[in-house]
Amino acid sequence: MELADSDEHQYSDKYPCRLPVWWARVGEIGPHTPQDGITGKNVVLRIEKRFTRFERLLAKLLRAPKEVRRPLDSMNSMLWELADGSRSFQEICTAMDDVFHEDIAPVVVRTAAGIDALISRNLMTCLQHTFTQKWNIGPGQTPHQQILGKIDEKVGYDVEPRTDVEAHFIEAILQDAQQGDQSE
């Protein structure tokens, strides 16, 4: 099915791709497409807070959390899972329309707005070509430039890889950790 205005949009023929950030799936399975890697669960992002010296002092006094947990709603969670760099903007719009129908109408505008919001927070980018696995997009992985605390097991975060790309990154990280342990 051809979506109106998707070929003229600024993201036409681009490949939305999430950037390195700790994320996991939570909750019950909701509406979703049967595509590989799409679970229908909501996504939670964990991002380290960066403080100035004064803010760090205030945070310590007030016992403020050292990270931001950003839960995504069902539409943005599905967008997050779809945006693995292997699907074009048009393919993502089609999948979103197939699942959410009139709740996401007009689908091109609403999907682009979701992508724009994630791009403005440095959580996503749009690539000219499909993702070549230059960075880690898998769940449950803390990016190299961030320091996050241990996760609470009671929350029930689902960090299992659902695609070959996600599994590849997790496997590579485990191998790096094992090599680091052996060299010590």
Protein backbone atom coordinates (compact mmCIF):
# COMPACT_ATOMS: atom_id res chain seq x y z
CA MET A 1 0.00 0.00 0.00
CA GLU A 2 1.33 3.42 -0.95
CA LEU A 3 1.23 6.01 1.85
CA ALA A 4 0.36 9.58 0.90
CA ASP A 5 3.31 11.99 1.05
CA SER A 6 5.87 9.37 2.13
CA ASP A 7 7.89 9.73 -1.08
CA GLU A 8 8.15 13.53 -0.75
CA HIS A 9 9.01 13.58 2.94
CA GLN A 10 12.48 14.65 4.18
CA TYR A 11 13.00 11.12 5.54
CA SER A 12 12.02 9.48 2.27
CA ASP A 13 14.56 6.76 1.38
CA LYS A 14 16.32 7.22 4.74
CA TYR A 15 16.83 4.52 7.37
CA PRO A 16 15.97 5.62 10.93
CA CYS A 17 18.35 4.01 13.40
CA ARG A 18 18.57 4.18 17.18
CA LEU A 19 21.83 5.40 18.68
CA PRO A 20 23.74 3.73 21.54
CA VAL A 21 21.63 3.99 24.69
CA TRP A 22 20.64 1.50 27.38
CA TRP A 23 17.15 0.27 26.65
CA ALA A 24 14.91 -2.66 27.51
CA ARG A 25 11.41 -3.94 26.99
CA VAL A 26 8.90 -4.04 29.86
CA GLY A 27 5.33 -5.00 30.49
CA GLU A 28 2.78 -7.02 28.64
CA ILE A 29 2.69 -7.60 24.91
CA GLY A 30 0.55 -5.02 23.13
CA PRO A 31 -0.33 -4.36 19.51
CA HIS A 32 2.59 -4.97 17.16
CA THR A 33 3.62 -6.09 13.73
CA PRO A 34 4.86 -9.69 13.32
CA GLN A 35 8.19 -8.48 11.90
CA ASP A 36 11.43 -9.84 13.33
CA GLY A 37 12.47 -8.04 16.53
CA ILE A 38 9.13 -6.35 17.22
CA THR A 39 7.65 -7.51 20.53
CA GLY A 40 4.76 -5.16 21.27
CA LYS A 41 6.18 -4.46 24.72
CA ASN A 42 6.87 -0.93 25.91
CA VAL A 43 10.46 0.31 25.82
CA VAL A 44 12.31 2.07 28.66
CA LEU A 45 15.47 4.09 28.04
CA ARG A 46 18.05 4.74 30.77
CA ILE A 47 20.32 7.75 30.30
CA GLU A 48 23.06 8.98 32.60
CA LYS A 49 22.57 12.54 33.87
CA ARG A 50 25.47 14.90 33.26
CA PHE A 51 25.91 17.44 36.04
CA THR A 52 27.97 20.60 36.38
CA ARG A 53 29.98 20.83 39.59
CA PHE A 54 27.25 22.85 41.31
CA GLU A 55 24.50 20.51 40.08
CA ARG A 56 26.50 17.51 41.31
CA LEU A 57 26.68 19.07 44.77
CA LEU A 58 22.94 19.76 44.81
CA ALA A 59 22.18 16.27 43.51
CA LYS A 60 24.27 14.75 46.29
CA LEU A 61 22.56 16.86 48.96
CA LEU A 62 19.09 16.13 47.60
CA ARG A 63 19.90 12.49 46.78
CA ALA A 64 18.77 12.98 43.21
CA PRO A 65 18.89 10.03 40.82
CA LYS A 66 21.98 9.77 38.63
CA GLU A 67 20.04 8.67 35.59
CA VAL A 68 16.88 9.44 33.68
CA ARG A 69 14.47 6.62 32.94
CA ARG A 70 12.36 7.49 29.95
CA PRO A 71 9.44 5.10 29.32
CA LEU A 72 8.01 5.19 25.80
CA ASP A 73 4.34 4.72 24.97
CA SER A 74 3.23 1.84 22.74
CA MET A 75 3.57 3.77 19.46
CA ASN A 76 7.01 5.15 20.22
CA SER A 77 8.11 1.76 21.59
CA MET A 78 7.19 0.11 18.31
CA LEU A 79 8.92 2.94 16.42
CA TRP A 80 12.04 2.34 18.57
CA GLU A 81 12.07 -1.37 17.81
CA LEU A 82 11.43 -0.80 14.09
CA ALA A 83 14.23 1.80 13.84
CA ASP A 84 17.13 -0.64 13.73
CA GLY A 85 18.57 0.81 10.52
CA SER A 86 17.35 -2.05 8.35
CA ARG A 87 13.96 -0.55 7.47
CA SER A 88 13.32 2.55 5.40
CA PHE A 89 11.12 5.38 6.62
CA GLN A 90 8.39 4.22 4.24
CA GLU A 91 8.56 0.64 5.60
CA ILE A 92 8.32 1.94 9.17
CA CYS A 93 5.33 4.13 8.28
CA THR A 94 3.59 1.16 6.64
CA ALA A 95 4.18 -1.03 9.70
CA MET A 96 2.94 1.71 12.05
CA ASP A 97 -0.17 2.24 9.91
CA ASP A 98 -0.88 -1.52 9.74
CA VAL A 99 -0.88 -1.76 13.55
CA PHE A 100 -2.29 1.57 14.77
CA HIS A 101 -4.58 2.50 11.82
CA GLU A 102 -6.44 5.76 12.48
CA ASP A 103 -4.82 6.19 15.92
CA ILE A 104 -1.64 7.28 14.14
CA ALA A 105 -3.26 9.17 11.24
CA PRO A 106 -1.70 10.91 9.40
CA VAL A 107 0.94 8.21 9.73
CA VAL A 108 3.75 9.95 7.82
CA VAL A 109 3.46 13.13 9.88
CA ARG A 110 3.10 11.34 13.22
CA THR A 111 5.94 8.88 12.54
CA ALA A 112 8.23 11.72 11.43
CA ALA A 113 7.32 13.65 14.60
CA GLY A 114 8.33 10.64 16.71
CA ILE A 115 11.62 10.35 14.84
CA ASP A 116 12.22 14.11 15.19
CA ALA A 117 11.64 13.92 18.97
CA LEU A 118 14.13 11.07 19.32
CA ILE A 119 16.68 12.80 17.07
CA SER A 120 16.40 16.03 19.11
CA ARG A 121 17.30 14.02 22.24
CA ASN A 122 20.29 12.38 20.51
CA LEU A 123 18.64 8.96 20.69
CA MET A 124 18.16 8.33 16.97
CA THR A 125 19.59 9.27 13.59
CA CYS A 126 18.57 8.82 9.97
CA LEU A 127 21.03 7.03 7.71
CA GLN A 128 21.41 7.30 3.94
CA HIS A 129 21.92 3.53 3.66
CA THR A 130 21.05 0.52 5.79
CA PHE A 131 22.82 0.21 9.13
CA THR A 132 26.26 -1.43 8.90
CA GLN A 133 26.57 -2.25 12.61
CA LYS A 134 28.98 0.57 13.43
CA TRP A 135 27.58 0.97 16.96
CA ASN A 136 25.64 -1.05 19.50
CA ILE A 137 21.86 -0.88 19.15
CA GLY A 138 21.07 -3.95 21.27
CA PRO A 139 19.00 -3.92 24.47
CA GLY A 140 20.47 -3.93 27.96
CA GLN A 141 23.88 -2.58 26.93
CA THR A 142 25.38 0.49 28.56
CA PRO A 143 27.15 2.70 25.99
CA HIS A 144 30.88 3.20 26.54
CA GLN A 145 30.49 6.91 27.36
CA GLN A 146 27.92 6.34 30.13
CA ILE A 147 27.99 5.00 33.67
CA LEU A 148 24.72 3.53 34.89
CA GLY A 149 23.93 1.77 38.14
CA LYS A 150 22.83 -1.84 38.40
CA ILE A 151 19.30 -2.58 37.27
CA ASP A 152 16.62 -3.63 39.73
CA GLU A 153 15.74 -7.25 38.94
CA LYS A 154 12.21 -6.72 40.30
CA VAL A 155 11.35 -4.39 37.44
CA GLY A 156 11.46 -7.25 34.97
CA TYR A 157 13.41 -5.65 32.15
CA ASP A 158 13.50 -7.82 29.04
CA VAL A 159 16.97 -7.40 27.50
CA GLU A 160 16.98 -10.56 25.40
CA PRO A 161 18.10 -9.98 21.81
CA ARG A 162 15.25 -10.42 19.31
CA THR A 163 17.20 -10.07 16.07
CA ASP A 164 20.51 -11.30 14.70
CA VAL A 165 21.87 -7.73 14.83
CA GLU A 166 21.03 -7.36 18.53
CA ALA A 167 22.48 -10.80 19.31
CA HIS A 168 25.69 -9.93 17.41
CA PHE A 169 26.34 -6.89 19.60
CA ILE A 170 25.64 -8.68 22.85
CA GLU A 171 27.90 -11.57 21.82
CA ALA A 172 30.71 -9.15 20.87
CA ILE A 173 30.45 -7.37 24.23
CA LEU A 174 30.58 -10.66 26.13
CA GLN A 175 33.66 -11.72 24.14
CA ASP A 176 35.37 -8.39 24.90
CA ALA A 177 34.61 -8.84 28.60
CA GLN A 178 36.01 -12.39 28.59
CA GLN A 179 39.19 -11.25 26.83
CA GLY A 180 39.58 -8.46 29.40
CA ASP A 181 39.23 -10.97 32.26
CA GLN A 182 41.80 -13.28 30.71
CA SER A 183 44.38 -10.53 30.27
CA GLU A 184 44.24 -9.52 33.95
